Amino acid sequence: MRHITLPALSLILMTGAAAAQSVDTSNLYSVDDADLMGPNGNKIGEVEEILVDVTGIPVAAVVEAGGFLDIGDKDIIVSLEDMTFDSGNFSTLLTEEELKELPEWDD
């Protein structure tokens, strides 16, 4: 009986694990290096990371902004409340001047 039970249990566990890992990827977007567009439709930066709070809830994005060809740019923290997402890109109503006042992220 033991030899029948263990293989059956293994099959059930493997089937459950496979079902738990299936994800519909047709509606997923990568936010790594997604553009952040400003109020005038101009690109003002790229999303580098998503920051979470202690409970794991996403609350902010690290945005690489300013500079030219990665020279002189800064990683700033932008609240997700100040950003909207549409078709793979983010936008914000914050002006470049307001973005300059946001805290920097130093990882």
Foldseek 3Di string as FASTA:
>chain_A
DVVVVVVVVVVVVVVVVVVVPDDDCPPDEDQAQAFEAEPVRHTFWGFHAFDAPPVRHTFWTFTFGDDDPPPPTFTFIGTCVQWDDDDRHIYGHDDPVNRVPGDTDDD
